Amino acid sequence: MASTSSGYGFRAVNELNGTPYAGATRQFLIDPAGYGTNIYNGSLVALSTAGYLEIVTTVGSSAGNVFPAGVVGVFVGCSYVNAQGQVIYAQYYPTGYAAPTGTAITAYVIDDDRAVFQVQANGSLAQTALGMNAILATAQTTSTGSTTTGNSNTQISTSTAATSTYAFRIVGFVNMQGFSTIGDAYTDVLVKFNQSIHSYTNATGVA
């Protein structure tokens, strides 16, 4: 039973058609001069107008809190060259890290706009939440995760609605005995990006 708040960000489970997630990612660059925010495994990320990857800092609701047009998916790690010339594969991007001259910081992102993700809510969700739209419980920041594990602790809000600007659609529950069931104190659910939210299905480009 999910009786404690233990957010873990977004974890890919499968495709919307039920096909298992096969581990596919796309590579994006993080500003080699240094980006001033930690990006944790399981964090939502977007392309900036400069073409670099950044963390999403809105909750995905409405009235100034919608997601940016460049939202591309979920961050699952990065690689970069350290000061000794060694290639480091990391669970998270450490805030402010600047790449040595002539090298890049490469982020790995699950950018499939039809991917289904498992995520924990910040409270209880009943069967009536199925088919509703959801937003993040709190905005992501440099602190919404652990620098020890490298994992995000992002959760979705229990304040679901039919509102079209909300970022996610709840498509199922993680109904697993001993882990989570419908209506648990902190319910684990399955969500996907709404069509108008993900950059690949949103007709508005990054600007």
C-alpha atoms as a PDB file:
ATOM      1  CA  MET A   1       0.000   0.000   0.000  1.00  0.00           C
ATOM      2  CA  ALA A   2       1.253   3.470  -0.907  1.00  0.00           C
ATOM      3  CA  SER A   3       0.774   4.938   2.563  1.00  0.00           C
ATOM      4  CA  THR A   4       3.721   7.351   2.497  1.00  0.00           C
ATOM      5  CA  SER A   5       4.597  10.240   0.225  1.00  0.00           C
ATOM      6  CA  SER A   6       7.579   8.984  -1.759  1.00  0.00           C
ATOM      7  CA  GLY A   7       7.522  10.656  -5.156  1.00  0.00           C
ATOM      8  CA  TYR A   8       9.919   9.272  -7.746  1.00  0.00           C
ATOM      9  CA  GLY A   9       9.185  11.416 -10.775  1.00  0.00           C
ATOM     10  CA  PHE A  10       7.959   9.923 -14.049  1.00  0.00           C
ATOM     11  CA  ARG A  11       8.838   6.349 -15.018  1.00  0.00           C
ATOM     12  CA  ALA A  12       8.087   5.037 -18.515  1.00  0.00           C
ATOM     13  CA  VAL A  13       5.923   1.906 -18.481  1.00  0.00           C
ATOM     14  CA  ASN A  14       4.643   1.299 -21.979  1.00  0.00           C
ATOM     15  CA  GLU A  15       3.114   2.795 -25.104  1.00  0.00           C
ATOM     16  CA  LEU A  16      -0.483   3.931 -25.128  1.00  0.00           C
ATOM     17  CA  ASN A  17      -1.321   0.840 -27.218  1.00  0.00           C
ATOM     18  CA  GLY A  18       0.075  -1.409 -24.469  1.00  0.00           C
ATOM     19  CA  THR A  19       3.408  -2.234 -26.120  1.00  0.00           C
ATOM     20  CA  PRO A  20       6.130  -2.423 -23.418  1.00  0.00           C
ATOM     21  CA  TYR A  21       8.537   0.509 -23.236  1.00  0.00           C
ATOM     22  CA  ALA A  22      11.730  -0.667 -24.934  1.00  0.00           C
ATOM     23  CA  GLY A  23      14.113   1.906 -23.469  1.00  0.00           C
ATOM     24  CA  ALA A  24      14.329   4.264 -26.446  1.00  0.00           C
ATOM     25  CA  THR A  25      15.651   7.771 -25.766  1.00  0.00           C
ATOM     26  CA  ARG A  26      16.676  10.800 -27.780  1.00  0.00           C
ATOM     27  CA  GLN A  27      19.768  12.873 -27.120  1.00  0.00           C
ATOM     28  CA  PHE A  28      19.595  16.605 -26.443  1.00  0.00           C
ATOM     29  CA  LEU A  29      22.266  19.077 -25.386  1.00  0.00           C
ATOM     30  CA  ILE A  30      22.447  20.993 -22.121  1.00  0.00           C
ATOM     31  CA  ASP A  31      24.103  24.402 -22.336  1.00  0.00           C
ATOM     32  CA  PRO A  32      27.858  23.625 -22.178  1.00  0.00           C
ATOM     33  CA  ALA A  33      28.437  26.922 -20.389  1.00  0.00           C
ATOM     34  CA  GLY A  34      26.459  25.536 -17.445  1.00  0.00           C
ATOM     35  CA  TYR A  35      22.763  25.403 -16.633  1.00  0.00           C
ATOM     36  CA  GLY A  36      21.866  26.638 -13.163  1.00  0.00           C
ATOM     37  CA  THR A  37      19.448  23.923 -12.034  1.00  0.00           C
ATOM     38  CA  ASN A  38      19.778  20.246 -11.122  1.00  0.00           C
ATOM     39  CA  ILE A  39      17.901  17.980 -13.534  1.00  0.00           C
ATOM     40  CA  TYR A  40      16.971  14.677 -11.926  1.00  0.00           C
ATOM     41  CA  ASN A  41      16.120  11.319 -13.428  1.00  0.00           C
ATOM     42  CA  GLY A  42      12.343  11.386 -13.892  1.00  0.00           C
ATOM     43  CA  SER A  43      12.105  15.162 -14.328  1.00  0.00           C
ATOM     44  CA  LEU A  44      10.044  16.804 -17.061  1.00  0.00           C
ATOM     45  CA  VAL A  45      12.177  18.753 -19.505  1.00  0.00           C
ATOM     46  CA  ALA A  46      11.756  21.178 -22.390  1.00  0.00           C
ATOM     47  CA  LEU A  47      13.807  22.835 -25.116  1.00  0.00           C
ATOM     48  CA  SER A  48      14.654  26.492 -24.552  1.00  0.00           C
ATOM     49  CA  THR A  49      14.654  29.087 -27.304  1.00  0.00           C
ATOM     50  CA  ALA A  50      18.436  28.618 -27.426  1.00  0.00           C
ATOM     51  CA  GLY A  51      17.930  24.950 -28.334  1.00  0.00           C
ATOM     52  CA  TYR A  52      19.212  23.559 -25.036  1.00  0.00           C
ATOM     53  CA  LEU A  53      17.414  21.295 -22.590  1.00  0.00           C
ATOM     54  CA  GLU A  54      16.016  22.755 -19.379  1.00  0.00           C
ATOM     55  CA  ILE A  55      13.784  21.599 -16.554  1.00  0.00           C
ATOM     56  CA  VAL A  56      10.073  22.508 -16.739  1.00  0.00           C
ATOM     57  CA  THR A  57       9.320  25.044 -13.991  1.00  0.00           C
ATOM     58  CA  THR A  58       5.524  25.365 -14.286  1.00  0.00           C
ATOM     59  CA  VAL A  59       2.881  22.936 -13.007  1.00  0.00           C
ATOM     60  CA  GLY A  60       1.073  22.521 -16.315  1.00  0.00           C
ATOM     61  CA  SER A  61      -2.265  24.045 -15.421  1.00  0.00           C
ATOM     62  CA  SER A  62      -3.498  27.385 -16.786  1.00  0.00           C
ATOM     63  CA  ALA A  63      -3.387  31.151 -16.203  1.00  0.00           C
ATOM     64  CA  GLY A  64       0.370  31.541 -16.571  1.00  0.00           C
ATOM     65  CA  ASN A  65       1.261  28.051 -15.340  1.00  0.00           C
ATOM     66  CA  VAL A  66       0.936  26.121 -18.597  1.00  0.00           C
ATOM     67  CA  PHE A  67       3.905  24.077 -19.805  1.00  0.00           C
ATOM     68  CA  PRO A  68       6.207  25.746 -22.345  1.00  0.00           C
ATOM     69  CA  ALA A  69       5.793  24.849 -26.021  1.00  0.00           C
ATOM     70  CA  GLY A  70       9.146  23.047 -26.004  1.00  0.00           C
ATOM     71  CA  VAL A  71       8.200  20.200 -23.619  1.00  0.00           C
ATOM     72  CA  VAL A  72       9.825  17.061 -25.041  1.00  0.00           C
ATOM     73  CA  GLY A  73       9.527  14.452 -22.305  1.00  0.00           C
ATOM     74  CA  VAL A  74      11.269  12.944 -19.300  1.00  0.00           C
ATOM     75  CA  PHE A  75      14.968  13.195 -18.453  1.00  0.00           C
ATOM     76  CA  VAL A  76      16.651   9.872 -17.619  1.00  0.00           C
ATOM     77  CA  GLY A  77      20.309  10.816 -17.285  1.00  0.00           C
ATOM     78  CA  CYS A  78      23.216  12.539 -18.986  1.00  0.00           C
ATOM     79  CA  SER A  79      26.853  12.227 -19.959  1.00  0.00           C
ATOM     80  CA  TYR A  80      29.667  14.752 -19.915  1.00  0.00           C
ATOM     81  CA  VAL A  81      33.438  15.026 -19.777  1.00  0.00           C
ATOM     82  CA  ASN A  82      34.955  15.923 -16.414  1.00  0.00           C
ATOM     83  CA  ALA A  83      38.050  18.028 -15.772  1.00  0.00           C
ATOM     84  CA  GLN A  84      40.268  14.929 -16.053  1.00  0.00           C
ATOM     85  CA  GLY A  85      38.961  14.136 -19.539  1.00  0.00           C
ATOM     86  CA  GLN A  86      36.874  11.172 -18.394  1.00  0.00           C
ATOM     87  CA  VAL A  87      33.388  10.557 -19.784  1.00  0.00           C
ATOM     88  CA  ILE A  88      30.888  10.485 -16.908  1.00  0.00           C
ATOM     89  CA  TYR A  89      27.457   8.863 -17.209  1.00  0.00           C
ATOM     90  CA  ALA A  90      25.276  10.381 -14.523  1.00  0.00           C
ATOM     91  CA  GLN A  91      21.812   9.811 -13.076  1.00  0.00           C
ATOM     92  CA  TYR A  92      21.276  13.568 -12.839  1.00  0.00           C
ATOM     93  CA  TYR A  93      22.743  16.793 -14.166  1.00  0.00           C
ATOM     94  CA  PRO A  94      24.481  18.760 -11.380  1.00  0.00           C
ATOM     95  CA  THR A  95      23.575  22.430 -11.335  1.00  0.00           C
ATOM     96  CA  GLY A  96      26.042  24.804 -12.942  1.00  0.00           C
ATOM     97  CA  TYR A  97      28.334  22.159 -14.404  1.00  0.00           C
ATOM     98  CA  ALA A  98      30.207  23.654 -17.379  1.00  0.00           C
ATOM     99  CA  ALA A  99      31.738  21.351 -19.968  1.00  0.00           C
ATOM    100  CA  PRO A 100      35.451  21.619 -20.767  1.00  0.00           C
ATOM    101  CA  THR A 101      36.128  23.517 -23.980  1.00  0.00           C
ATOM    102  CA  GLY A 102      35.203  21.528 -27.070  1.00  0.00           C
ATOM    103  CA  THR A 103      33.021  19.005 -25.221  1.00  0.00           C
ATOM    104  CA  ALA A 104      29.271  18.670 -24.771  1.00  0.00           C
ATOM    105  CA  ILE A 105      26.767  17.790 -22.049  1.00  0.00           C
ATOM    106  CA  THR A 106      24.406  15.219 -23.507  1.00  0.00           C
ATOM    107  CA  ALA A 107      20.997  14.552 -21.955  1.00  0.00           C
ATOM    108  CA  TYR A 108      18.962  11.389 -22.554  1.00  0.00           C
ATOM    109  CA  VAL A 109      15.224  11.942 -22.792  1.00  0.00           C
ATOM    110  CA  ILE A 110      12.189   9.721 -23.259  1.00  0.00           C
ATOM    111  CA  ASP A 111      10.570  11.916 -25.890  1.00  0.00           C
ATOM    112  CA  ASP A 112       7.850   9.563 -27.164  1.00  0.00           C
ATOM    113  CA  ASP A 113       4.639  11.603 -27.108  1.00  0.00           C
ATOM    114  CA  ARG A 114       2.566   8.393 -26.738  1.00  0.00           C
ATOM    115  CA  ALA A 115       4.551   6.968 -23.814  1.00  0.00           C
ATOM    116  CA  VAL A 116       2.667   6.118 -20.613  1.00  0.00           C
ATOM    117  CA  PHE A 117       4.376   7.033 -17.353  1.00  0.00           C
ATOM    118  CA  GLN A 118       3.937   5.835 -13.787  1.00  0.00           C
ATOM    119  CA  VAL A 119       3.880   8.635 -11.204  1.00  0.00           C
ATOM    120  CA  GLN A 120       2.723   9.069  -7.613  1.00  0.00           C
ATOM    121  CA  ALA A 121       0.026  11.544  -6.595  1.00  0.00           C
ATOM    122  CA  ASN A 122       0.462  13.791  -3.563  1.00  0.00           C
ATOM    123  CA  GLY A 123      -2.654  12.289  -1.998  1.00  0.00           C
ATOM    124  CA  SER A 124      -5.450   9.816  -2.623  1.00  0.00           C
ATOM    125  CA  LEU A 125      -7.090   9.370  -6.028  1.00  0.00           C
ATOM    126  CA  ALA A 126     -10.285   7.374  -6.425  1.00  0.00           C
ATOM    127  CA  GLN A 127     -11.620   5.471  -9.442  1.00  0.00           C
ATOM    128  CA  THR A 128     -13.365   8.687 -10.528  1.00  0.00           C
ATOM    129  CA  ALA A 129      -9.953  10.157 -11.433  1.00  0.00           C
ATOM    130  CA  LEU A 130      -9.634   7.816 -14.414  1.00  0.00           C
ATOM    131  CA  GLY A 131      -9.901   9.829 -17.626  1.00  0.00           C
ATOM    132  CA  MET A 132      -9.402  13.140 -15.853  1.00  0.00           C
ATOM    133  CA  ASN A 133      -6.572  15.601 -16.513  1.00  0.00           C
ATOM    134  CA  ALA A 134      -3.832  16.319 -13.984  1.00  0.00           C
ATOM    135  CA  ILE A 135      -1.018  18.749 -13.217  1.00  0.00           C
ATOM    136  CA  LEU A 136       2.135  18.644 -11.119  1.00  0.00           C
ATOM    137  CA  ALA A 137       1.696  18.938  -7.354  1.00  0.00           C
ATOM    138  CA  THR A 138       4.453  21.554  -7.192  1.00  0.00           C
ATOM    139  CA  ALA A 139       6.696  23.214  -9.742  1.00  0.00           C
ATOM    140  CA  GLN A 140      10.020  21.496 -10.402  1.00  0.00           C
ATOM    141  CA  THR A 141      13.110  23.266  -9.089  1.00  0.00           C
ATOM    142  CA  THR A 142      16.755  22.490  -8.412  1.00  0.00           C
ATOM    143  CA  SER A 143      15.551  20.879  -5.152  1.00  0.00           C
ATOM    144  CA  THR A 144      12.802  18.547  -6.436  1.00  0.00           C
ATOM    145  CA  GLY A 145      14.980  15.481  -6.247  1.00  0.00           C
ATOM    146  CA  SER A 146      17.905  13.859  -4.469  1.00  0.00           C
ATOM    147  CA  THR A 147      21.551  14.506  -5.282  1.00  0.00           C
ATOM    148  CA  THR A 148      22.305  11.234  -3.465  1.00  0.00           C
ATOM    149  CA  THR A 149      20.155   8.972  -5.656  1.00  0.00           C
ATOM    150  CA  GLY A 150      19.920  11.348  -8.609  1.00  0.00           C
ATOM    151  CA  ASN A 151      16.169  10.733  -8.787  1.00  0.00           C
ATOM    152  CA  SER A 152      13.303  13.199  -9.018  1.00  0.00           C
ATOM    153  CA  ASN A 153      10.647  13.338  -6.297  1.00  0.00           C
ATOM    154  CA  THR A 154       8.028  15.029  -8.499  1.00  0.00           C
ATOM    155  CA  GLN A 155       4.391  14.053  -7.964  1.00  0.00           C
ATOM    156  CA  ILE A 156       1.118  14.951  -9.622  1.00  0.00           C
ATOM    157  CA  SER A 157      -1.648  16.808  -7.826  1.00  0.00           C
ATOM    158  CA  THR A 158      -4.879  15.199  -6.661  1.00  0.00           C
ATOM    159  CA  SER A 159      -6.688  18.301  -7.974  1.00  0.00           C
ATOM    160  CA  THR A 160      -7.783  16.702 -11.246  1.00  0.00           C
ATOM    161  CA  ALA A 161     -10.109  18.378 -13.730  1.00  0.00           C
ATOM    162  CA  ALA A 162     -11.456  18.177 -17.262  1.00  0.00           C
ATOM    163  CA  THR A 163      -9.614  21.422 -18.098  1.00  0.00           C
ATOM    164  CA  SER A 164      -8.052  21.185 -21.563  1.00  0.00           C
ATOM    165  CA  THR A 165      -4.864  23.061 -20.622  1.00  0.00           C
ATOM    166  CA  TYR A 166      -3.890  20.529 -17.946  1.00  0.00           C
ATOM    167  CA  ALA A 167      -0.708  18.681 -18.897  1.00  0.00           C
ATOM    168  CA  PHE A 168      -1.578  15.008 -18.347  1.00  0.00           C
ATOM    169  CA  ARG A 169      -4.385  12.512 -18.847  1.00  0.00           C
ATOM    170  CA  ILE A 170      -4.799   9.786 -16.224  1.00  0.00           C
ATOM    171  CA  VAL A 171      -5.130   6.559 -18.224  1.00  0.00           C
ATOM    172  CA  GLY A 172      -4.826   3.957 -15.477  1.00  0.00           C
ATOM    173  CA  PHE A 173      -3.768   2.983 -11.972  1.00  0.00           C
ATOM    174  CA  VAL A 174      -0.742   1.066 -10.731  1.00  0.00           C
ATOM    175  CA  ASN A 175      -2.969  -1.551  -9.152  1.00  0.00           C
ATOM    176  CA  MET A 176      -0.249  -3.793  -7.731  1.00  0.00           C
ATOM    177  CA  GLN A 177      -0.750  -5.784  -4.542  1.00  0.00           C
ATOM    178  CA  GLY A 178       1.669  -4.682  -1.822  1.00  0.00           C
ATOM    179  CA  PHE A 179       2.716  -1.572  -3.740  1.00  0.00           C
ATOM    180  CA  SER A 180      -0.267   0.556  -4.683  1.00  0.00           C
ATOM    181  CA  THR A 181      -4.008   0.199  -5.087  1.00  0.00           C
ATOM    182  CA  ILE A 182      -6.743   2.592  -6.129  1.00  0.00           C
ATOM    183  CA  GLY A 183      -7.533   5.051  -3.337  1.00  0.00           C
ATOM    184  CA  ASP A 184      -4.285   4.579  -1.401  1.00  0.00           C
ATOM    185  CA  ALA A 185      -3.150   7.533   0.694  1.00  0.00           C
ATOM    186  CA  TYR A 186      -0.659   8.368  -2.078  1.00  0.00           C
ATOM    187  CA  THR A 187      -2.027   6.722  -5.179  1.00  0.00           C
ATOM    188  CA  ASP A 188       0.268   5.675  -8.021  1.00  0.00           C
ATOM    189  CA  VAL A 189      -1.257   6.282 -11.439  1.00  0.00           C
ATOM    190  CA  LEU A 190      -0.474   5.983 -15.140  1.00  0.00           C
ATOM    191  CA  VAL A 191      -0.460   9.170 -17.204  1.00  0.00           C
ATOM    192  CA  LYS A 192       0.386  10.427 -20.679  1.00  0.00           C
ATOM    193  CA  PHE A 193       1.018  13.894 -22.097  1.00  0.00           C
ATOM    194  CA  ASN A 194      -2.104  15.519 -23.482  1.00  0.00           C
ATOM    195  CA  GLN A 195      -1.892  16.064 -27.221  1.00  0.00           C
ATOM    196  CA  SER A 196      -1.713  19.846 -27.115  1.00  0.00           C
ATOM    197  CA  ILE A 197       1.031  19.780 -24.457  1.00  0.00           C
ATOM    198  CA  HIS A 198       3.880  17.705 -25.896  1.00  0.00           C
ATOM    199  CA  SER A 199       6.068  19.644 -28.338  1.00  0.00           C
ATOM    200  CA  TYR A 200       5.729  16.984 -31.053  1.00  0.00           C
ATOM    201  CA  THR A 201       1.924  17.268 -31.160  1.00  0.00           C
ATOM    202  CA  ASN A 202       1.659  20.944 -30.311  1.00  0.00           C
ATOM    203  CA  ALA A 203       1.534  23.068 -33.476  1.00  0.00           C
ATOM    204  CA  THR A 204       3.236  25.960 -31.642  1.00  0.00           C
ATOM    205  CA  GLY A 205       7.003  25.874 -32.064  1.00  0.00           C
ATOM    206  CA  VAL A 206       9.616  26.945 -29.544  1.00  0.00           C
ATOM    207  CA  ALA A 207       9.840  30.712 -29.624  1.00  0.00           C
END
